[in-house]
Every structure is written in C-alpha cells, then in structure tokens.
C-alpha cells in the first residue's frame, strides 16, 4: 500500500513538473511571437529577402533601403 502511494505521488509530481515546463515554454514563445516590429524593419527584411533571392540588384537594394529609412 505504501509503495503504491509513493508511485502515485511520484507520477503526480512528474505530471505537475511537465505541465509547469510546458507553461514556461509557452509563455516564452508567445512573448517572442507578440513582439511588434516596425513597418521599417519589416520593409528592410523583405528587401533583404528579395535581394538574397536575386529579385533585385545590389543598387536597387541600397536605393530602396535608403528610401525606407
């Protein structure tokens, strides 16, 4: 009887610990996702992606980035 109670409490502690870890991970990831980025930063990110894909030249990238900032 004592052994079964110990196993139950050990399992319960494991479940609580896992739930706590999951809650902390969710809190951290939701804060990262909710960070607001400025329209300027978003525009520069898009320009960088287009440049890396070869859609725009180096000169176009520099000109447009200068215009955004």
PDB file of N, CA and C in Angstrom:
ATOM      1  N   UNK A   1       0.820  -1.195   0.000  1.00  0.00           N
ATOM      2  CA  UNK A   1       0.000   0.000   0.000  1.00  0.00           C
ATOM      3  C   UNK A   1       0.865   1.259   0.000  1.00  0.00           C
ATOM      4  N   UNK A   2       1.891   1.231   0.812  1.00  0.00           N
ATOM      5  CA  UNK A   2       2.778   2.380   0.885  1.00  0.00           C
ATOM      6  C   UNK A   2       3.518   2.581  -0.437  1.00  0.00           C
ATOM      7  N   UNK A   3       3.909   1.499  -1.081  1.00  0.00           N
ATOM      8  CA  UNK A   3       4.616   1.578  -2.353  1.00  0.00           C
ATOM      9  C   UNK A   3       3.718   2.135  -3.448  1.00  0.00           C
ATOM     10  N   UNK A   4       2.465   1.737  -3.463  1.00  0.00           N
ATOM     11  CA  UNK A   4       1.550   2.243  -4.494  1.00  0.00           C
ATOM     12  C   UNK A   4       1.268   3.727  -4.288  1.00  0.00           C
ATOM     13  N   UNK A   5       1.209   4.176  -3.074  1.00  0.00           N
ATOM     14  CA  UNK A   5       1.013   5.606  -2.796  1.00  0.00           C
ATOM     15  C   UNK A   5       2.226   6.403  -3.254  1.00  0.00           C
ATOM     16  N   UNK A   6       3.404   5.857  -3.032  1.00  0.00           N
ATOM     17  CA  UNK A   6       4.626   6.546  -3.440  1.00  0.00           C
ATOM     18  C   UNK A   6       4.706   6.629  -4.954  1.00  0.00           C
ATOM     19  N   UNK A   7       4.331   5.564  -5.646  1.00  0.00           N
ATOM     20  CA  UNK A   7       4.341   5.565  -7.112  1.00  0.00           C
ATOM     21  C   UNK A   7       3.338   6.580  -7.632  1.00  0.00           C
ATOM     22  N   UNK A   8       2.158   6.638  -7.029  1.00  0.00           N
ATOM     23  CA  UNK A   8       1.135   7.591  -7.445  1.00  0.00           C
ATOM     24  C   UNK A   8       1.622   9.024  -7.249  1.00  0.00           C
ATOM     25  N   UNK A   9       2.193   9.309  -6.095  1.00  0.00           N
ATOM     26  CA  UNK A   9       2.679  10.666  -5.822  1.00  0.00           C
ATOM     27  C   UNK A   9       3.848  11.021  -6.733  1.00  0.00           C
ATOM     28  N   UNK A  10       4.704  10.071  -7.020  1.00  0.00           N
ATOM     29  CA  UNK A  10       5.816  10.315  -7.934  1.00  0.00           C
ATOM     30  C   UNK A  10       5.312  10.626  -9.336  1.00  0.00           C
ATOM     31  N   UNK A  11       4.317   9.881  -9.786  1.00  0.00           N
ATOM     32  CA  UNK A  11       3.721  10.131 -11.095  1.00  0.00           C
ATOM     33  C   UNK A  11       3.026  11.471 -11.140  1.00  0.00           C
ATOM     34  N   UNK A  12       2.346  11.811 -10.070  1.00  0.00           N
ATOM     35  CA  UNK A  12       1.659  13.101  -9.986  1.00  0.00           C
ATOM     36  C   UNK A  12       2.660  14.252 -10.021  1.00  0.00           C
ATOM     37  N   UNK A  13       3.762  14.094  -9.319  1.00  0.00           N
ATOM     38  CA  UNK A  13       4.799  15.134  -9.331  1.00  0.00           C
ATOM     39  C   UNK A  13       5.395  15.286 -10.732  1.00  0.00           C
ATOM     40  N   UNK A  14       5.553  14.169 -11.441  1.00  0.00           N
ATOM     41  CA  UNK A  14       6.072  14.212 -12.794  1.00  0.00           C
ATOM     42  C   UNK A  14       5.119  14.971 -13.718  1.00  0.00           C
ATOM     43  N   UNK A  15       3.840  14.707 -13.603  1.00  0.00           N
ATOM     44  CA  UNK A  15       2.843  15.391 -14.426  1.00  0.00           C
ATOM     45  C   UNK A  15       2.834  16.885 -14.125  1.00  0.00           C
ATOM     46  N   UNK A  16       2.889  17.243 -12.871  1.00  0.00           N
ATOM     47  CA  UNK A  16       2.899  18.658 -12.480  1.00  0.00           C
ATOM     48  C   UNK A  16       4.162  19.340 -13.006  1.00  0.00           C
ATOM     49  N   UNK A  17       5.303  18.669 -12.899  1.00  0.00           N
ATOM     50  CA  UNK A  17       6.558  19.249 -13.385  1.00  0.00           C
ATOM     51  C   UNK A  17       6.505  19.454 -14.905  1.00  0.00           C
ATOM     52  N   UNK A  18       5.995  18.481 -15.634  1.00  0.00           N
ATOM     53  CA  UNK A  18       5.878  18.613 -17.083  1.00  0.00           C
ATOM     54  C   UNK A  18       4.922  19.736 -17.465  1.00  0.00           C
ATOM     55  N   UNK A  19       3.822  19.862 -16.737  1.00  0.00           N
ATOM     56  CA  UNK A  19       2.873  20.945 -17.013  1.00  0.00           C
ATOM     57  C   UNK A  19       3.518  22.303 -16.752  1.00  0.00           C
ATOM     58  N   UNK A  20       4.311  22.389 -15.715  1.00  0.00           N
ATOM     59  CA  UNK A  20       4.997  23.643 -15.396  1.00  0.00           C
ATOM     60  C   UNK A  20       6.006  24.002 -16.486  1.00  0.00           C
ATOM     61  N   UNK A  21       6.775  23.031 -16.953  1.00  0.00           N
ATOM     62  CA  UNK A  21       7.736  23.274 -18.033  1.00  0.00           C
ATOM     63  C   UNK A  21       7.007  23.704 -19.301  1.00  0.00           C
ATOM     64  N   UNK A  22       5.909  23.038 -19.621  1.00  0.00           N
ATOM     65  CA  UNK A  22       5.143  23.400 -20.817  1.00  0.00           C
ATOM     66  C   UNK A  22       4.601  24.819 -20.709  1.00  0.00           C
ATOM     67  N   UNK A  23       4.143  25.213 -19.533  1.00  0.00           N
ATOM     68  CA  UNK A  23       3.618  26.563 -19.337  1.00  0.00           C
ATOM     69  C   UNK A  23       4.718  27.608 -19.525  1.00  0.00           C
ATOM     70  N   UNK A  24       5.900  27.335 -19.017  1.00  0.00           N
ATOM     71  CA  UNK A  24       7.017  28.278 -19.154  1.00  0.00           C
ATOM     72  C   UNK A  24       7.427  28.393 -20.626  1.00  0.00           C
ATOM     73  N   UNK A  25       7.515  27.275 -21.326  1.00  0.00           N
ATOM     74  CA  UNK A  25       7.881  27.302 -22.739  1.00  0.00           C
ATOM     75  C   UNK A  25       6.846  28.083 -23.543  1.00  0.00           C
ATOM     76  N   UNK A  26       5.586  27.857 -23.260  1.00  0.00           N
ATOM     77  CA  UNK A  26       4.527  28.575 -23.972  1.00  0.00           C
ATOM     78  C   UNK A  26       4.590  30.075 -23.697  1.00  0.00           C
ATOM     79  N   UNK A  27       4.866  30.442 -22.471  1.00  0.00           N
ATOM     80  CA  UNK A  27       4.973  31.855 -22.113  1.00  0.00           C
ATOM     81  C   UNK A  27       6.124  32.515 -22.861  1.00  0.00           C
ATOM     82  N   UNK A  28       7.256  31.849 -22.920  1.00  0.00           N
ATOM     83  CA  UNK A  28       8.427  32.406 -23.600  1.00  0.00           C
ATOM     84  C   UNK A  28       8.169  32.545 -25.097  1.00  0.00           C
ATOM     85  N   UNK A  29       7.619  31.518 -25.725  1.00  0.00           N
ATOM     86  CA  UNK A  29       7.400  31.579 -27.165  1.00  0.00           C
ATOM     87  C   UNK A  29       6.302  32.571 -27.532  1.00  0.00           C
ATOM     88  N   UNK A  30       5.313  32.745 -26.691  1.00  0.00           N
ATOM     89  CA  UNK A  30       4.256  33.707 -27.007  1.00  0.00           C
ATOM     90  C   UNK A  30       4.773  35.142 -26.895  1.00  0.00           C
ATOM     91  N   UNK A  31       5.691  35.388 -26.010  1.00  0.00           N
ATOM     92  CA  UNK A  31       6.269  36.730 -25.899  1.00  0.00           C
ATOM     93  C   UNK A  31       7.107  37.066 -27.114  1.00  0.00           C
ATOM     94  N   UNK A  32       7.840  36.083 -27.621  1.00  0.00           N
ATOM     95  CA  UNK A  32       8.648  36.317 -28.819  1.00  0.00           C
ATOM     96  C   UNK A  32       7.766  36.602 -30.020  1.00  0.00           C
ATOM     97  N   UNK A  33       6.686  35.850 -30.139  1.00  0.00           N
ATOM     98  CA  UNK A  33       5.798  35.996 -31.294  1.00  0.00           C
ATOM     99  C   UNK A  33       5.039  37.309 -31.251  1.00  0.00           C
ATOM    100  N   UNK A  34       4.797  37.829 -30.063  1.00  0.00           N
ATOM    101  CA  UNK A  34       3.983  39.035 -29.960  1.00  0.00           C
ATOM    102  C   UNK A  34       4.796  40.325 -30.035  1.00  0.00           C
ATOM    103  N   UNK A  35       6.101  40.205 -30.142  1.00  0.00           N
ATOM    104  CA  UNK A  35       6.907  41.423 -30.274  1.00  0.00           C
ATOM    105  C   UNK A  35       6.524  42.143 -31.558  1.00  0.00           C
ATOM    106  N   UNK A  36       6.209  43.392 -31.402  1.00  0.00           N
ATOM    107  CA  UNK A  36       5.817  44.186 -32.570  1.00  0.00           C
ATOM    108  C   UNK A  36       7.069  44.686 -33.280  1.00  0.00           C
ATOM    109  N   UNK A  37       7.090  44.500 -34.576  1.00  0.00           N
ATOM    110  CA  UNK A  37       8.189  45.048 -35.359  1.00  0.00           C
ATOM    111  C   UNK A  37       7.659  46.238 -36.134  1.00  0.00           C
ATOM    112  N   UNK A  38       8.505  47.196 -36.321  1.00  0.00           N
ATOM    113  CA  UNK A  38       8.083  48.403 -37.009  1.00  0.00           C
ATOM    114  C   UNK A  38       7.935  48.130 -38.507  1.00  0.00           C
ATOM    115  N   UNK A  39       7.120  48.916 -39.172  1.00  0.00           N
ATOM    116  CA  UNK A  39       6.982  48.770 -40.628  1.00  0.00           C
ATOM    117  C   UNK A  39       8.320  48.935 -41.358  1.00  0.00           C
ATOM    118  N   UNK A  40       9.191  49.799 -40.837  1.00  0.00           N
ATOM    119  CA  UNK A  40      10.508  49.997 -41.448  1.00  0.00           C
ATOM    120  C   UNK A  40      11.325  48.718 -41.375  1.00  0.00           C
ATOM    121  N   UNK A  41      11.310  48.068 -40.210  1.00  0.00           N
ATOM    122  CA  UNK A  41      12.043  46.815 -40.058  1.00  0.00           C
ATOM    123  C   UNK A  41      11.477  45.734 -40.975  1.00  0.00           C
ATOM    124  N   UNK A  42      10.169  45.679 -41.069  1.00  0.00           N
ATOM    125  CA  UNK A  42       9.537  44.688 -41.947  1.00  0.00           C
ATOM    126  C   UNK A  42       9.918  44.933 -43.402  1.00  0.00           C
ATOM    127  N   UNK A  43       9.917  46.191 -43.810  1.00  0.00           N
ATOM    128  CA  UNK A  43      10.274  46.534 -45.189  1.00  0.00           C
ATOM    129  C   UNK A  43      11.728  46.157 -45.474  1.00  0.00           C
ATOM    130  N   UNK A  44      12.612  46.434 -44.538  1.00  0.00           N
ATOM    131  CA  UNK A  44      14.025  46.087 -44.723  1.00  0.00           C
ATOM    132  C   UNK A  44      14.215  44.570 -44.774  1.00  0.00           C
ATOM    133  N   UNK A  45      13.451  43.839 -43.977  1.00  0.00           N
ATOM    134  CA  UNK A  45      13.525  42.374 -44.022  1.00  0.00           C
ATOM    135  C   UNK A  45      13.086  41.845 -45.383  1.00  0.00           C
ATOM    136  N   UNK A  46      12.011  42.397 -45.906  1.00  0.00           N
ATOM    137  CA  UNK A  46      11.513  41.974 -47.222  1.00  0.00           C
ATOM    138  C   UNK A  46      12.527  42.315 -48.308  1.00  0.00           C
ATOM    139  N   UNK A  47      13.098  43.512 -48.216  1.00  0.00           N
ATOM    140  CA  UNK A  47      14.128  43.891 -49.193  1.00  0.00           C
ATOM    141  C   UNK A  47      15.311  42.923 -49.145  1.00  0.00           C
ATOM    142  N   UNK A  48      15.728  42.585 -47.951  1.00  0.00           N
ATOM    143  CA  UNK A  48      16.841  41.652 -47.795  1.00  0.00           C
ATOM    144  C   UNK A  48      16.530  40.288 -48.392  1.00  0.00           C
ATOM    145  N   UNK A  49      15.318  39.815 -48.168  1.00  0.00           N
ATOM    146  CA  UNK A  49      14.911  38.527 -48.732  1.00  0.00           C
ATOM    147  C   UNK A  49      14.896  38.583 -50.261  1.00  0.00           C
ATOM    148  N   UNK A  50      14.364  39.667 -50.812  1.00  0.00           N
ATOM    149  CA  UNK A  50      14.311  39.803 -52.276  1.00  0.00           C
ATOM    150  C   UNK A  50      15.724  39.879 -52.858  1.00  0.00           C
ATOM    151  N   UNK A  51      16.610  40.563 -52.159  1.00  0.00           N
ATOM    152  CA  UNK A  51      17.996  40.673 -52.619  1.00  0.00           C
ATOM    153  C   UNK A  51      18.676  39.300 -52.607  1.00  0.00           C
ATOM    154  N   UNK A  52      18.463  38.556 -51.540  1.00  0.00           N
ATOM    155  CA  UNK A  52      19.082  37.239 -51.439  1.00  0.00           C
ATOM    156  C   UNK A  52      18.544  36.260 -52.480  1.00  0.00           C
ATOM    157  N   UNK A  53      17.290  36.436 -52.858  1.00  0.00           N
ATOM    158  CA  UNK A  53      16.711  35.565 -53.894  1.00  0.00           C
ATOM    159  C   UNK A  53      17.115  36.002 -55.297  1.00  0.00           C
ATOM    160  N   UNK A  54      17.767  37.164 -55.408  1.00  0.00           N
ATOM    161  CA  UNK A  54      18.207  37.649 -56.705  1.00  0.00           C
ATOM    162  C   UNK A  54      17.137  38.403 -57.473  1.00  0.00           C
ATOM    163  N   UNK A  55      16.086  38.810 -56.792  1.00  0.00           N
ATOM    164  CA  UNK A  55      14.994  39.522 -57.459  1.00  0.00           C
ATOM    165  C   UNK A  55      15.350  40.981 -57.729  1.00  0.00           C
ATOM    166  N   UNK A  56      16.253  41.541 -56.933  1.00  0.00           N
ATOM    167  CA  UNK A  56      16.669  42.932 -57.125  1.00  0.00           C
ATOM    168  C   UNK A  56      18.196  42.987 -57.097  1.00  0.00           C
ATOM    169  N   UNK A  57      18.738  43.981 -57.749  1.00  0.00           N
ATOM    170  CA  UNK A  57      20.195  44.147 -57.802  1.00  0.00           C
ATOM    171  C   UNK A  57      20.694  44.817 -56.525  1.00  0.00           C
ATOM    172  N   UNK A  58      22.008  44.845 -56.392  1.00  0.00           N
ATOM    173  CA  UNK A  58      22.612  45.490 -55.227  1.00  0.00           C
ATOM    174  C   UNK A  58      22.256  46.974 -55.188  1.00  0.00           C
ATOM    175  N   UNK A  59      22.293  47.609 -56.343  1.00  0.00           N
ATOM    176  CA  UNK A  59      21.963  49.038 -56.397  1.00  0.00           C
ATOM    177  C   UNK A  59      20.499  49.283 -56.008  1.00  0.00           C
ATOM    178  N   UNK A  60      19.594  48.452 -56.544  1.00  0.00           N
ATOM    179  CA  UNK A  60      18.180  48.602 -56.185  1.00  0.00           C
ATOM    180  C   UNK A  60      17.978  48.389 -54.694  1.00  0.00           C
ATOM    181  N   UNK A  61      18.681  47.395 -54.145  1.00  0.00           N
ATOM    182  CA  UNK A  61      18.582  47.117 -52.711  1.00  0.00           C
ATOM    183  C   UNK A  61      19.016  48.333 -51.888  1.00  0.00           C
ATOM    184  N   UNK A  62      20.166  48.890 -52.241  1.00  0.00           N
ATOM    185  CA  UNK A  62      20.682  50.046 -51.498  1.00  0.00           C
ATOM    186  C   UNK A  62      19.762  51.259 -51.636  1.00  0.00           C
ATOM    187  N   UNK A  63      19.303  51.516 -52.857  1.00  0.00           N
ATOM    188  CA  UNK A  63      18.425  52.670 -53.084  1.00  0.00           C
ATOM    189  C   UNK A  63      17.113  52.541 -52.306  1.00  0.00           C
ATOM    190  N   UNK A  64      16.532  51.383 -52.388  1.00  0.00           N
ATOM    191  CA  UNK A  64      15.238  51.177 -51.709  1.00  0.00           C
ATOM    192  C   UNK A  64      15.386  51.179 -50.194  1.00  0.00           C
ATOM    193  N   UNK A  65      16.478  50.601 -49.721  1.00  0.00           N
ATOM    194  CA  UNK A  65      16.693  50.598 -48.269  1.00  0.00           C
ATOM    195  C   UNK A  65      16.917  52.025 -47.765  1.00  0.00           C
ATOM    196  N   UNK A  66      17.646  52.812 -48.535  1.00  0.00           N
ATOM    197  CA  UNK A  66      17.860  54.208 -48.175  1.00  0.00           C
ATOM    198  C   UNK A  66      16.531  54.977 -48.172  1.00  0.00           C
ATOM    199  N   UNK A  67      15.676  54.686 -49.149  1.00  0.00           N
ATOM    200  CA  UNK A  67      14.377  55.348 -49.237  1.00  0.00           C
ATOM    201  C   UNK A  67      13.472  54.977 -48.066  1.00  0.00           C
ATOM    202  N   UNK A  68      13.574  53.741 -47.607  1.00  0.00           N
ATOM    203  CA  UNK A  68      12.733  53.289 -46.488  1.00  0.00           C
ATOM    204  C   UNK A  68      13.162  53.947 -45.185  1.00  0.00           C
ATOM    205  N   UNK A  69      14.440  54.106 -45.024  1.00  0.00           N
ATOM    206  CA  UNK A  69      14.942  54.697 -43.765  1.00  0.00           C
ATOM    207  C   UNK A  69      14.979  56.163 -43.941  1.00  0.00           C
TER     208      UNK A  69
END
